[in-house]
Amino acid sequence: MMRNARRTILAAVTAGVALAGTPLRAQEFGDAGRGSVLALRVCIACHGVRPGEDSVNPQATPFAAIAAAKGMSAMALNVALLSPHRTMPNIMLDAGERADIVAYILSLQPE
């Protein structure tokens, strides 16, 4: 099951990376501060959401590791958040919330 989840995430990230050159619409830019608050409310149950924080669920990648993945982009994260994962609860985020989470994760990218 873990292998299938990784394949799904890899496929979503790969699709996002392939589309990274596509211009983003203005409404897709989120607020990292709001994303941090939302992540601490919703995502922290499984993911490590703060820098250096381990995930509670070992199958859930910490946000810092997601941010540091080669080629990570807003498009890749958006695709991943819109793709179903068997090991991830069906969390319904509206477009603004999704953009905020994406902005927060990208704010964790190493310099």
PDB file of N, CA and C in Angstrom:
ATOM      1  N   MET A   1       0.828  -1.189   0.000  1.00  0.00           N
ATOM      2  CA  MET A   1       0.000   0.000   0.000  1.00  0.00           C
ATOM      3  C   MET A   1       0.874   1.255   0.000  1.00  0.00           C
ATOM      4  N   MET A   2       1.944   1.252   0.770  1.00  0.00           N
ATOM      5  CA  MET A   2       2.828   2.394   0.831  1.00  0.00           C
ATOM      6  C   MET A   2       3.465   2.664  -0.527  1.00  0.00           C
ATOM      7  N   ARG A   3       3.802   1.595  -1.264  1.00  0.00           N
ATOM      8  CA  ARG A   3       4.404   1.734  -2.588  1.00  0.00           C
ATOM      9  C   ARG A   3       3.420   2.415  -3.542  1.00  0.00           C
ATOM     10  N   ASN A   4       2.134   2.044  -3.481  1.00  0.00           N
ATOM     11  CA  ASN A   4       1.123   2.660  -4.352  1.00  0.00           C
ATOM     12  C   ASN A   4       0.939   4.128  -4.023  1.00  0.00           C
ATOM     13  N   ALA A   5       0.957   4.472  -2.742  1.00  0.00           N
ATOM     14  CA  ALA A   5       0.815   5.877  -2.338  1.00  0.00           C
ATOM     15  C   ALA A   5       1.988   6.691  -2.872  1.00  0.00           C
ATOM     16  N   ARG A   6       3.178   6.137  -2.773  1.00  0.00           N
ATOM     17  CA  ARG A   6       4.359   6.843  -3.287  1.00  0.00           C
ATOM     18  C   ARG A   6       4.277   7.008  -4.798  1.00  0.00           C
ATOM     19  N   ARG A   7       3.787   5.978  -5.486  1.00  0.00           N
ATOM     20  CA  ARG A   7       3.630   6.081  -6.944  1.00  0.00           C
ATOM     21  C   ARG A   7       2.632   7.174  -7.303  1.00  0.00           C
ATOM     22  N   THR A   8       1.534   7.251  -6.558  1.00  0.00           N
ATOM     23  CA  THR A   8       0.523   8.274  -6.820  1.00  0.00           C
ATOM     24  C   THR A   8       1.104   9.660  -6.608  1.00  0.00           C
ATOM     25  N   ILE A   9       1.826   9.841  -5.506  1.00  0.00           N
ATOM     26  CA  ILE A   9       2.433  11.137  -5.226  1.00  0.00           C
ATOM     27  C   ILE A   9       3.471  11.465  -6.283  1.00  0.00           C
ATOM     28  N   LEU A  10       4.301  10.487  -6.638  1.00  0.00           N
ATOM     29  CA  LEU A  10       5.317  10.708  -7.660  1.00  0.00           C
ATOM     30  C   LEU A  10       4.680  11.092  -8.987  1.00  0.00           C
ATOM     31  N   ALA A  11       3.597  10.415  -9.360  1.00  0.00           N
ATOM     32  CA  ALA A  11       2.906  10.739 -10.615  1.00  0.00           C
ATOM     33  C   ALA A  11       2.344  12.151 -10.572  1.00  0.00           C
ATOM     34  N   ALA A  12       1.763  12.539  -9.436  1.00  0.00           N
ATOM     35  CA  ALA A  12       1.202  13.883  -9.308  1.00  0.00           C
ATOM     36  C   ALA A  12       2.298  14.937  -9.376  1.00  0.00           C
ATOM     37  N   VAL A  13       3.396  14.691  -8.684  1.00  0.00           N
ATOM     38  CA  VAL A  13       4.503  15.645  -8.702  1.00  0.00           C
ATOM     39  C   VAL A  13       5.110  15.723 -10.095  1.00  0.00           C
ATOM     40  N   THR A  14       5.275  14.580 -10.758  1.00  0.00           N
ATOM     41  CA  THR A  14       5.828  14.561 -12.107  1.00  0.00           C
ATOM     42  C   THR A  14       4.938  15.350 -13.061  1.00  0.00           C
ATOM     43  N   ALA A  15       3.636  15.159 -12.948  1.00  0.00           N
ATOM     44  CA  ALA A  15       2.707  15.914 -13.795  1.00  0.00           C
ATOM     45  C   ALA A  15       2.814  17.403 -13.508  1.00  0.00           C
ATOM     46  N   GLY A  16       2.922  17.746 -12.251  1.00  0.00           N
ATOM     47  CA  GLY A  16       3.055  19.151 -11.882  1.00  0.00           C
ATOM     48  C   GLY A  16       4.337  19.760 -12.394  1.00  0.00           C
ATOM     49  N   VAL A  17       5.432  19.017 -12.299  1.00  0.00           N
ATOM     50  CA  VAL A  17       6.712  19.512 -12.793  1.00  0.00           C
ATOM     51  C   VAL A  17       6.638  19.718 -14.302  1.00  0.00           C
ATOM     52  N   ALA A  18       5.997  18.793 -14.992  1.00  0.00           N
ATOM     53  CA  ALA A  18       5.859  18.905 -16.444  1.00  0.00           C
ATOM     54  C   ALA A  18       5.061  20.149 -16.827  1.00  0.00           C
ATOM     55  N   LEU A  19       4.128  20.536 -15.979  1.00  0.00           N
ATOM     56  CA  LEU A  19       3.290  21.696 -16.259  1.00  0.00           C
ATOM     57  C   LEU A  19       3.809  22.975 -15.607  1.00  0.00           C
ATOM     58  N   ALA A  20       4.968  22.911 -14.970  1.00  0.00           N
ATOM     59  CA  ALA A  20       5.482  24.045 -14.205  1.00  0.00           C
ATOM     60  C   ALA A  20       5.683  25.292 -15.050  1.00  0.00           C
ATOM     61  N   GLY A  21       5.907  25.128 -16.337  1.00  0.00           N
ATOM     62  CA  GLY A  21       6.091  26.283 -17.196  1.00  0.00           C
ATOM     63  C   GLY A  21       4.791  27.001 -17.531  1.00  0.00           C
ATOM     64  N   THR A  22       3.674  26.400 -17.175  1.00  0.00           N
ATOM     65  CA  THR A  22       2.376  26.988 -17.447  1.00  0.00           C
ATOM     66  C   THR A  22       2.145  28.173 -16.520  1.00  0.00           C
ATOM     67  N   PRO A  23       1.738  29.330 -17.038  1.00  0.00           N
ATOM     68  CA  PRO A  23       1.516  30.476 -16.159  1.00  0.00           C
ATOM     69  C   PRO A  23       0.392  30.202 -15.163  1.00  0.00           C
ATOM     70  N   LEU A  24       0.571  30.712 -13.954  1.00  0.00           N
ATOM     71  CA  LEU A  24      -0.447  30.555 -12.917  1.00  0.00           C
ATOM     72  C   LEU A  24      -1.449  31.698 -13.011  1.00  0.00           C
ATOM     73  N   ARG A  25      -2.686  31.399 -12.694  1.00  0.00           N
ATOM     74  CA  ARG A  25      -3.690  32.452 -12.618  1.00  0.00           C
ATOM     75  C   ARG A  25      -3.511  33.186 -11.300  1.00  0.00           C
ATOM     76  N   ALA A  26      -3.879  34.442 -11.238  1.00  0.00           N
ATOM     77  CA  ALA A  26      -3.662  35.275 -10.054  1.00  0.00           C
ATOM     78  C   ALA A  26      -4.272  34.677  -8.798  1.00  0.00           C
ATOM     79  N   GLN A  27      -5.445  34.062  -8.902  1.00  0.00           N
ATOM     80  CA  GLN A  27      -6.098  33.520  -7.723  1.00  0.00           C
ATOM     81  C   GLN A  27      -5.380  32.301  -7.155  1.00  0.00           C
ATOM     82  N   GLU A  28      -4.404  31.766  -7.882  1.00  0.00           N
ATOM     83  CA  GLU A  28      -3.678  30.600  -7.404  1.00  0.00           C
ATOM     84  C   GLU A  28      -2.541  30.973  -6.458  1.00  0.00           C
ATOM     85  N   PHE A  29      -2.238  32.259  -6.305  1.00  0.00           N
ATOM     86  CA  PHE A  29      -1.204  32.669  -5.370  1.00  0.00           C
ATOM     87  C   PHE A  29      -1.822  32.749  -3.992  1.00  0.00           C
ATOM     88  N   GLY A  30      -1.236  32.029  -3.060  1.00  0.00           N
ATOM     89  CA  GLY A  30      -1.786  31.990  -1.720  1.00  0.00           C
ATOM     90  C   GLY A  30      -0.963  32.796  -0.746  1.00  0.00           C
ATOM     91  N   ASP A  31      -1.378  32.730   0.491  1.00  0.00           N
ATOM     92  CA  ASP A  31      -0.729  33.426   1.586  1.00  0.00           C
ATOM     93  C   ASP A  31      -0.092  32.387   2.511  1.00  0.00           C
ATOM     94  N   ALA A  32       1.228  32.434   2.621  1.00  0.00           N
ATOM     95  CA  ALA A  32       1.953  31.438   3.420  1.00  0.00           C
ATOM     96  C   ALA A  32       1.559  31.504   4.901  1.00  0.00           C
ATOM     97  N   GLY A  33       1.276  32.681   5.413  1.00  0.00           N
ATOM     98  CA  GLY A  33       0.854  32.814   6.813  1.00  0.00           C
ATOM     99  C   GLY A  33      -0.464  32.108   7.079  1.00  0.00           C
ATOM    100  N   ARG A  34      -1.437  32.330   6.191  1.00  0.00           N
ATOM    101  CA  ARG A  34      -2.717  31.619   6.332  1.00  0.00           C
ATOM    102  C   ARG A  34      -2.524  30.129   6.134  1.00  0.00           C
ATOM    103  N   GLY A  35      -1.635  29.756   5.197  1.00  0.00           N
ATOM    104  CA  GLY A  35      -1.354  28.346   4.950  1.00  0.00           C
ATOM    105  C   GLY A  35      -0.754  27.671   6.167  1.00  0.00           C
ATOM    106  N   SER A  36       0.122  28.369   6.873  1.00  0.00           N
ATOM    107  CA  SER A  36       0.728  27.830   8.096  1.00  0.00           C
ATOM    108  C   SER A  36      -0.336  27.559   9.154  1.00  0.00           C
ATOM    109  N   VAL A  37      -1.220  28.509   9.346  1.00  0.00           N
ATOM    110  CA  VAL A  37      -2.304  28.349  10.325  1.00  0.00           C
ATOM    111  C   VAL A  37      -3.198  27.175   9.941  1.00  0.00           C
ATOM    112  N   LEU A  38      -3.554  27.083   8.670  1.00  0.00           N
ATOM    113  CA  LEU A  38      -4.403  25.987   8.188  1.00  0.00           C
ATOM    114  C   LEU A  38      -3.683  24.647   8.342  1.00  0.00           C
ATOM    115  N   ALA A  39      -2.400  24.601   7.997  1.00  0.00           N
ATOM    116  CA  ALA A  39      -1.632  23.355   8.124  1.00  0.00           C
ATOM    117  C   ALA A  39      -1.568  22.908   9.582  1.00  0.00           C
ATOM    118  N   LEU A  40      -1.415  23.853  10.491  1.00  0.00           N
ATOM    119  CA  LEU A  40      -1.363  23.515  11.918  1.00  0.00           C
ATOM    120  C   LEU A  40      -2.721  23.028  12.428  1.00  0.00           C
ATOM    121  N   ARG A  41      -3.780  23.392  11.737  1.00  0.00           N
ATOM    122  CA  ARG A  41      -5.115  22.956  12.136  1.00  0.00           C
ATOM    123  C   ARG A  41      -5.512  21.640  11.471  1.00  0.00           C
ATOM    124  N   VAL A  42      -5.130  21.447  10.206  1.00  0.00           N
ATOM    125  CA  VAL A  42      -5.639  20.323   9.432  1.00  0.00           C
ATOM    126  C   VAL A  42      -4.578  19.256   9.136  1.00  0.00           C
ATOM    127  N   CYS A  43      -3.413  19.676   8.734  1.00  0.00           N
ATOM    128  CA  CYS A  43      -2.413  18.743   8.200  1.00  0.00           C
ATOM    129  C   CYS A  43      -1.520  18.113   9.259  1.00  0.00           C
ATOM    130  N   ILE A  44      -1.391  18.777  10.397  1.00  0.00           N
ATOM    131  CA  ILE A  44      -0.453  18.333  11.425  1.00  0.00           C
ATOM    132  C   ILE A  44      -0.842  16.985  12.032  1.00  0.00           C
ATOM    133  N   ALA A  45      -2.075  16.555  11.852  1.00  0.00           N
ATOM    134  CA  ALA A  45      -2.498  15.251  12.373  1.00  0.00           C
ATOM    135  C   ALA A  45      -1.666  14.122  11.766  1.00  0.00           C
ATOM    136  N   CYS A  46      -1.135  14.333  10.558  1.00  0.00           N
ATOM    137  CA  CYS A  46      -0.319  13.315   9.888  1.00  0.00           C
ATOM    138  C   CYS A  46       1.081  13.824   9.533  1.00  0.00           C
ATOM    139  N   HIS A  47       1.160  15.038   8.992  1.00  0.00           N
ATOM    140  CA  HIS A  47       2.417  15.576   8.462  1.00  0.00           C
ATOM    141  C   HIS A  47       3.172  16.395   9.498  1.00  0.00           C
ATOM    142  N   GLY A  48       4.493  16.376   9.390  1.00  0.00           N
ATOM    143  CA  GLY A  48       5.303  17.373  10.070  1.00  0.00           C
ATOM    144  C   GLY A  48       5.166  18.648   9.261  1.00  0.00           C
ATOM    145  N   VAL A  49       4.595  19.687   9.830  1.00  0.00           N
ATOM    146  CA  VAL A  49       4.329  20.889   9.042  1.00  0.00           C
ATOM    147  C   VAL A  49       5.343  22.002   9.296  1.00  0.00           C
ATOM    148  N   ARG A  50       6.022  21.961  10.422  1.00  0.00           N
ATOM    149  CA  ARG A  50       7.028  22.979  10.730  1.00  0.00           C
ATOM    150  C   ARG A  50       8.403  22.489  10.291  1.00  0.00           C
ATOM    151  N   PRO A  51       9.309  23.419   9.974  1.00  0.00           N
ATOM    152  CA  PRO A  51      10.663  23.013   9.581  1.00  0.00           C
ATOM    153  C   PRO A  51      11.302  22.120  10.650  1.00  0.00           C
ATOM    154  N   GLY A  52      11.899  21.025  10.218  1.00  0.00           N
ATOM    155  CA  GLY A  52      12.578  20.118  11.125  1.00  0.00           C
ATOM    156  C   GLY A  52      11.671  19.191  11.913  1.00  0.00           C
ATOM    157  N   GLU A  53      10.392  19.261  11.672  1.00  0.00           N
ATOM    158  CA  GLU A  53       9.421  18.452  12.423  1.00  0.00           C
ATOM    159  C   GLU A  53       9.159  17.136  11.700  1.00  0.00           C
ATOM    160  N   ASP A  54       9.217  16.034  12.446  1.00  0.00           N
ATOM    161  CA  ASP A  54       8.874  14.729  11.883  1.00  0.00           C
ATOM    162  C   ASP A  54       7.360  14.591  11.784  1.00  0.00           C
ATOM    163  N   SER A  55       6.922  13.763  10.862  1.00  0.00           N
ATOM    164  CA  SER A  55       5.494  13.488  10.712  1.00  0.00           C
ATOM    165  C   SER A  55       5.028  12.503  11.760  1.00  0.00           C
ATOM    166  N   VAL A  56       3.825  12.695  12.271  1.00  0.00           N
ATOM    167  CA  VAL A  56       3.213  11.757  13.204  1.00  0.00           C
ATOM    168  C   VAL A  56       3.001  10.420  12.504  1.00  0.00           C
ATOM    169  N   ASN A  57       2.516  10.475  11.271  1.00  0.00           N
ATOM    170  CA  ASN A  57       2.287   9.288  10.453  1.00  0.00           C
ATOM    171  C   ASN A  57       3.535   9.060   9.598  1.00  0.00           C
ATOM    172  N   PRO A  58       4.232   7.936   9.763  1.00  0.00           N
ATOM    173  CA  PRO A  58       5.457   7.717   8.994  1.00  0.00           C
ATOM    174  C   PRO A  58       5.236   7.651   7.474  1.00  0.00           C
ATOM    175  N   GLN A  59       4.001   7.451   7.032  1.00  0.00           N
ATOM    176  CA  GLN A  59       3.712   7.444   5.590  1.00  0.00           C
ATOM    177  C   GLN A  59       3.489   8.854   5.044  1.00  0.00           C
ATOM    178  N   ALA A  60       3.368   9.839   5.922  1.00  0.00           N
ATOM    179  CA  ALA A  60       3.118  11.219   5.507  1.00  0.00           C
ATOM    180  C   ALA A  60       4.441  11.980   5.501  1.00  0.00           C
ATOM    181  N   THR A  61       4.836  12.446   4.356  1.00  0.00           N
ATOM    182  CA  THR A  61       6.098  13.160   4.213  1.00  0.00           C
ATOM    183  C   THR A  61       6.025  14.510   4.911  1.00  0.00           C
ATOM    184  N   PRO A  62       7.063  14.865   5.673  1.00  0.00           N
ATOM    185  CA  PRO A  62       7.081  16.204   6.283  1.00  0.00           C
ATOM    186  C   PRO A  62       7.062  17.291   5.202  1.00  0.00           C
ATOM    187  N   PHE A  63       6.423  18.396   5.492  1.00  0.00           N
ATOM    188  CA  PHE A  63       6.308  19.476   4.516  1.00  0.00           C
ATOM    189  C   PHE A  63       7.667  19.982   4.054  1.00  0.00           C
ATOM    190  N   ALA A  64       8.661  20.059   4.943  1.00  0.00           N
ATOM    191  CA  ALA A  64       9.987  20.537   4.546  1.00  0.00           C
ATOM    192  C   ALA A  64      10.603  19.618   3.494  1.00  0.00           C
ATOM    193  N   ALA A  65      10.391  18.312   3.625  1.00  0.00           N
ATOM    194  CA  ALA A  65      10.914  17.365   2.638  1.00  0.00           C
ATOM    195  C   ALA A  65      10.171  17.499   1.312  1.00  0.00           C
ATOM    196  N   ILE A  66       8.871  17.748   1.375  1.00  0.00           N
ATOM    197  CA  ILE A  66       8.099  17.975   0.147  1.00  0.00           C
ATOM    198  C   ILE A  66       8.623  19.224  -0.545  1.00  0.00           C
ATOM    199  N   ALA A  67       8.831  20.289   0.223  1.00  0.00           N
ATOM    200  CA  ALA A  67       9.311  21.555  -0.336  1.00  0.00           C
ATOM    201  C   ALA A  67      10.684  21.407  -0.968  1.00  0.00           C
ATOM    202  N   ALA A  68      11.523  20.543  -0.391  1.00  0.00           N
ATOM    203  CA  ALA A  68      12.891  20.378  -0.861  1.00  0.00           C
ATOM    204  C   ALA A  68      13.021  19.426  -2.054  1.00  0.00           C
ATOM    205  N   ALA A  69      11.942  18.764  -2.426  1.00  0.00           N
ATOM    206  CA  ALA A  69      11.999  17.828  -3.556  1.00  0.00           C
ATOM    207  C   ALA A  69      12.380  18.572  -4.832  1.00  0.00           C
ATOM    208  N   LYS A  70      13.273  17.969  -5.598  1.00  0.00           N
ATOM    209  CA  LYS A  70      13.741  18.581  -6.841  1.00  0.00           C
ATOM    210  C   LYS A  70      12.562  18.892  -7.766  1.00  0.00           C
ATOM    211  N   GLY A  71      12.523  20.111  -8.267  1.00  0.00           N
ATOM    212  CA  GLY A  71      11.481  20.512  -9.200  1.00  0.00           C
ATOM    213  C   GLY A  71      10.149  20.860  -8.564  1.00  0.00           C
ATOM    214  N   MET A  72      10.092  20.923  -7.234  1.00  0.00           N
ATOM    215  CA  MET A  72       8.813  21.214  -6.572  1.00  0.00           C
ATOM    216  C   MET A  72       8.336  22.604  -6.978  1.00  0.00           C
ATOM    217  N   SER A  73       7.059  22.686  -7.302  1.00  0.00           N
ATOM    218  CA  SER A  73       6.461  23.939  -7.759  1.00  0.00           C
ATOM    219  C   SER A  73       5.028  24.030  -7.249  1.00  0.00           C
ATOM    220  N   ALA A  74       4.457  25.200  -7.416  1.00  0.00           N
ATOM    221  CA  ALA A  74       3.062  25.398  -7.040  1.00  0.00           C
ATOM    222  C   ALA A  74       2.155  24.468  -7.836  1.00  0.00           C
ATOM    223  N   MET A  75       2.454  24.301  -9.108  1.00  0.00           N
ATOM    224  CA  MET A  75       1.633  23.435  -9.951  1.00  0.00           C
ATOM    225  C   MET A  75       1.700  21.994  -9.464  1.00  0.00           C
ATOM    226  N   ALA A  76       2.909  21.523  -9.149  1.00  0.00           N
ATOM    227  CA  ALA A  76       3.063  20.144  -8.675  1.00  0.00           C
ATOM    228  C   ALA A  76       2.300  19.925  -7.376  1.00  0.00           C
ATOM    229  N   LEU A  77       2.393  20.873  -6.456  1.00  0.00           N
ATOM    230  CA  LEU A  77       1.683  20.738  -5.181  1.00  0.00           C
ATOM    231  C   LEU A  77       0.176  20.787  -5.385  1.00  0.00           C
ATOM    232  N   ASN A  78      -0.275  21.661  -6.245  1.00  0.00           N
ATOM    233  CA  ASN A  78      -1.710  21.766  -6.514  1.00  0.00           C
ATOM    234  C   ASN A  78      -2.240  20.457  -7.083  1.00  0.00           C
ATOM    235  N   VAL A  79      -1.503  19.880  -8.023  1.00  0.00           N
ATOM    236  CA  VAL A  79      -1.908  18.598  -8.599  1.00  0.00           C
ATOM    237  C   VAL A  79      -1.947  17.525  -7.510  1.00  0.00           C
ATOM    238  N   ALA A  80      -0.918  17.501  -6.664  1.00  0.00           N
ATOM    239  CA  ALA A  80      -0.870  16.505  -5.583  1.00  0.00           C
ATOM    240  C   ALA A  80      -2.046  16.666  -4.627  1.00  0.00           C
ATOM    241  N   LEU A  81      -2.408  17.909  -4.311  1.00  0.00           N
ATOM    242  CA  LEU A  81      -3.520  18.146  -3.380  1.00  0.00           C
ATOM    243  C   LEU A  81      -4.876  17.822  -4.006  1.00  0.00           C
ATOM    244  N   LEU A  82      -4.940  17.835  -5.310  1.00  0.00           N
ATOM    245  CA  LEU A  82      -6.197  17.508  -5.998  1.00  0.00           C
ATOM    246  C   LEU A  82      -6.321  16.027  -6.326  1.00  0.00           C
ATOM    247  N   SER A  83      -5.227  15.285  -6.170  1.00  0.00           N
ATOM    248  CA  SER A  83      -5.225  13.865  -6.498  1.00  0.00           C
ATOM    249  C   SER A  83      -5.564  13.034  -5.273  1.00  0.00           C
ATOM    250  N   PRO A  84      -6.443  12.042  -5.417  1.00  0.00           N
ATOM    251  CA  PRO A  84      -6.776  11.206  -4.255  1.00  0.00           C
ATOM    252  C   PRO A  84      -5.595  10.317  -3.862  1.00  0.00           C
ATOM    253  N   HIS A  85      -5.428  10.120  -2.574  1.00  0.00           N
ATOM    254  CA  HIS A  85      -4.400   9.232  -2.033  1.00  0.00           C
ATOM    255  C   HIS A  85      -5.090   8.267  -1.090  1.00  0.00           C
ATOM    256  N   ARG A  86      -4.820   6.993  -1.250  1.00  0.00           N
ATOM    257  CA  ARG A  86      -5.483   5.999  -0.399  1.00  0.00           C
ATOM    258  C   ARG A  86      -5.132   6.180   1.071  1.00  0.00           C
ATOM    259  N   THR A  87      -3.935   6.651   1.351  1.00  0.00           N
ATOM    260  CA  THR A  87      -3.509   6.778   2.747  1.00  0.00           C
ATOM    261  C   THR A  87      -3.801   8.159   3.325  1.00  0.00           C
ATOM    262  N   MET A  88      -4.340   9.059   2.519  1.00  0.00           N
ATOM    263  CA  MET A  88      -4.622  10.413   3.001  1.00  0.00           C
ATOM    264  C   MET A  88      -6.128  10.598   3.146  1.00  0.00           C
ATOM    265  N   PRO A  89      -6.558  11.183   4.271  1.00  0.00           N
ATOM    266  CA  PRO A  89      -7.998  11.425   4.419  1.00  0.00           C
ATOM    267  C   PRO A  89      -8.502  12.365   3.323  1.00  0.00           C
ATOM    268  N   ASN A  90      -9.755  12.263   3.007  1.00  0.00           N
ATOM    269  CA  ASN A  90     -10.362  13.087   1.966  1.00  0.00           C
ATOM    270  C   ASN A  90     -10.661  14.477   2.534  1.00  0.00           C
ATOM    271  N   ILE A  91      -9.629  15.296   2.610  1.00  0.00           N
ATOM    272  CA  ILE A  91      -9.770  16.658   3.140  1.00  0.00           C
ATOM    273  C   ILE A  91     -10.181  17.565   1.994  1.00  0.00           C
ATOM    274  N   MET A  92     -11.277  18.261   2.178  1.00  0.00           N
ATOM    275  CA  MET A  92     -11.798  19.141   1.142  1.00  0.00           C
ATOM    276  C   MET A  92     -11.294  20.560   1.379  1.00  0.00           C
ATOM    277  N   LEU A  93     -10.390  21.012   0.530  1.00  0.00           N
ATOM    278  CA  LEU A  93      -9.878  22.376   0.598  1.00  0.00           C
ATOM    279  C   LEU A  93     -10.436  23.155  -0.583  1.00  0.00           C
ATOM    280  N   ASP A  94     -10.899  24.372  -0.315  1.00  0.00           N
ATOM    281  CA  ASP A  94     -11.318  25.188  -1.454  1.00  0.00           C
ATOM    282  C   ASP A  94     -10.066  25.745  -2.135  1.00  0.00           C
ATOM    283  N   ALA A  95     -10.238  26.394  -3.265  1.00  0.00           N
ATOM    284  CA  ALA A  95      -9.095  26.859  -4.053  1.00  0.00           C
ATOM    285  C   ALA A  95      -8.202  27.803  -3.256  1.00  0.00           C
ATOM    286  N   GLY A  96      -8.791  28.675  -2.469  1.00  0.00           N
ATOM    287  CA  GLY A  96      -8.005  29.611  -1.666  1.00  0.00           C
ATOM    288  C   GLY A  96      -7.200  28.909  -0.585  1.00  0.00           C
ATOM    289  N   GLU A  97      -7.813  27.947   0.088  1.00  0.00           N
ATOM    290  CA  GLU A  97      -7.104  27.183   1.119  1.00  0.00           C
ATOM    291  C   GLU A  97      -5.964  26.376   0.500  1.00  0.00           C
ATOM    292  N   ARG A  98      -6.245  25.775  -0.641  1.00  0.00           N
ATOM    293  CA  ARG A  98      -5.217  25.005  -1.337  1.00  0.00           C
ATOM    294  C   ARG A  98      -4.049  25.913  -1.716  1.00  0.00           C
ATOM    295  N   ALA A  99      -4.341  27.092  -2.227  1.00  0.00           N
ATOM    296  CA  ALA A  99      -3.296  28.047  -2.600  1.00  0.00           C
ATOM    297  C   ALA A  99      -2.484  28.476  -1.382  1.00  0.00           C
ATOM    298  N   ASP A 100      -3.151  28.641  -0.240  1.00  0.00           N
ATOM    299  CA  ASP A 100      -2.450  29.029   0.987  1.00  0.00           C
ATOM    300  C   ASP A 100      -1.520  27.917   1.466  1.00  0.00           C
ATOM    301  N   ILE A 101      -1.983  26.669   1.429  1.00  0.00           N
ATOM    302  CA  ILE A 101      -1.142  25.531   1.825  1.00  0.00           C
ATOM    303  C   ILE A 101       0.055  25.428   0.880  1.00  0.00           C
ATOM    304  N   VAL A 102      -0.191  25.589  -0.409  1.00  0.00           N
ATOM    305  CA  VAL A 102       0.895  25.537  -1.403  1.00  0.00           C
ATOM    306  C   VAL A 102       1.913  26.634  -1.109  1.00  0.00           C
ATOM    307  N   ALA A 103       1.444  27.850  -0.857  1.00  0.00           N
ATOM    308  CA  ALA A 103       2.354  28.961  -0.562  1.00  0.00           C
ATOM    309  C   ALA A 103       3.173  28.672   0.693  1.00  0.00           C
ATOM    310  N   TYR A 104       2.534  28.083   1.702  1.00  0.00           N
ATOM    311  CA  TYR A 104       3.267  27.762   2.925  1.00  0.00           C
ATOM    312  C   TYR A 104       4.341  26.707   2.648  1.00  0.00           C
ATOM    313  N   ILE A 105       3.978  25.641   1.970  1.00  0.00           N
ATOM    314  CA  ILE A 105       4.961  24.582   1.682  1.00  0.00           C
ATOM    315  C   ILE A 105       6.128  25.161   0.874  1.00  0.00           C
ATOM    316  N   LEU A 106       5.834  25.971  -0.118  1.00  0.00           N
ATOM    317  CA  LEU A 106       6.912  26.558  -0.927  1.00  0.00           C
ATOM    318  C   LEU A 106       7.776  27.503  -0.108  1.00  0.00           C
ATOM    319  N   SER A 107       7.205  28.109   0.932  1.00  0.00           N
ATOM    320  CA  SER A 107       8.000  29.005   1.790  1.00  0.00           C
ATOM    321  C   SER A 107       9.047  28.210   2.577  1.00  0.00           C
ATOM    322  N   LEU A 108       8.900  26.904   2.639  1.00  0.00           N
ATOM    323  CA  LEU A 108       9.840  26.041   3.360  1.00  0.00           C
ATOM    324  C   LEU A 108      10.993  25.575   2.477  1.00  0.00           C
ATOM    325  N   GLN A 109      10.986  25.962   1.201  1.00  0.00           N
ATOM    326  CA  GLN A 109      12.054  25.517   0.302  1.00  0.00           C
ATOM    327  C   GLN A 109      13.398  26.067   0.767  1.00  0.00           C
ATOM    328  N   PRO A 110      14.423  25.217   0.689  1.00  0.00           N
ATOM    329  CA  PRO A 110      15.758  25.690   1.080  1.00  0.00           C
ATOM    330  C   PRO A 110      16.227  26.801   0.138  1.00  0.00           C
ATOM    331  N   GLU A 111      16.999  27.677   0.673  1.00  0.00           N
ATOM    332  CA  GLU A 111      17.519  28.825  -0.113  1.00  0.00           C
ATOM    333  C   GLU A 111      18.466  28.364  -1.183  1.00  0.00           C
TER     334      GLU A 111
END
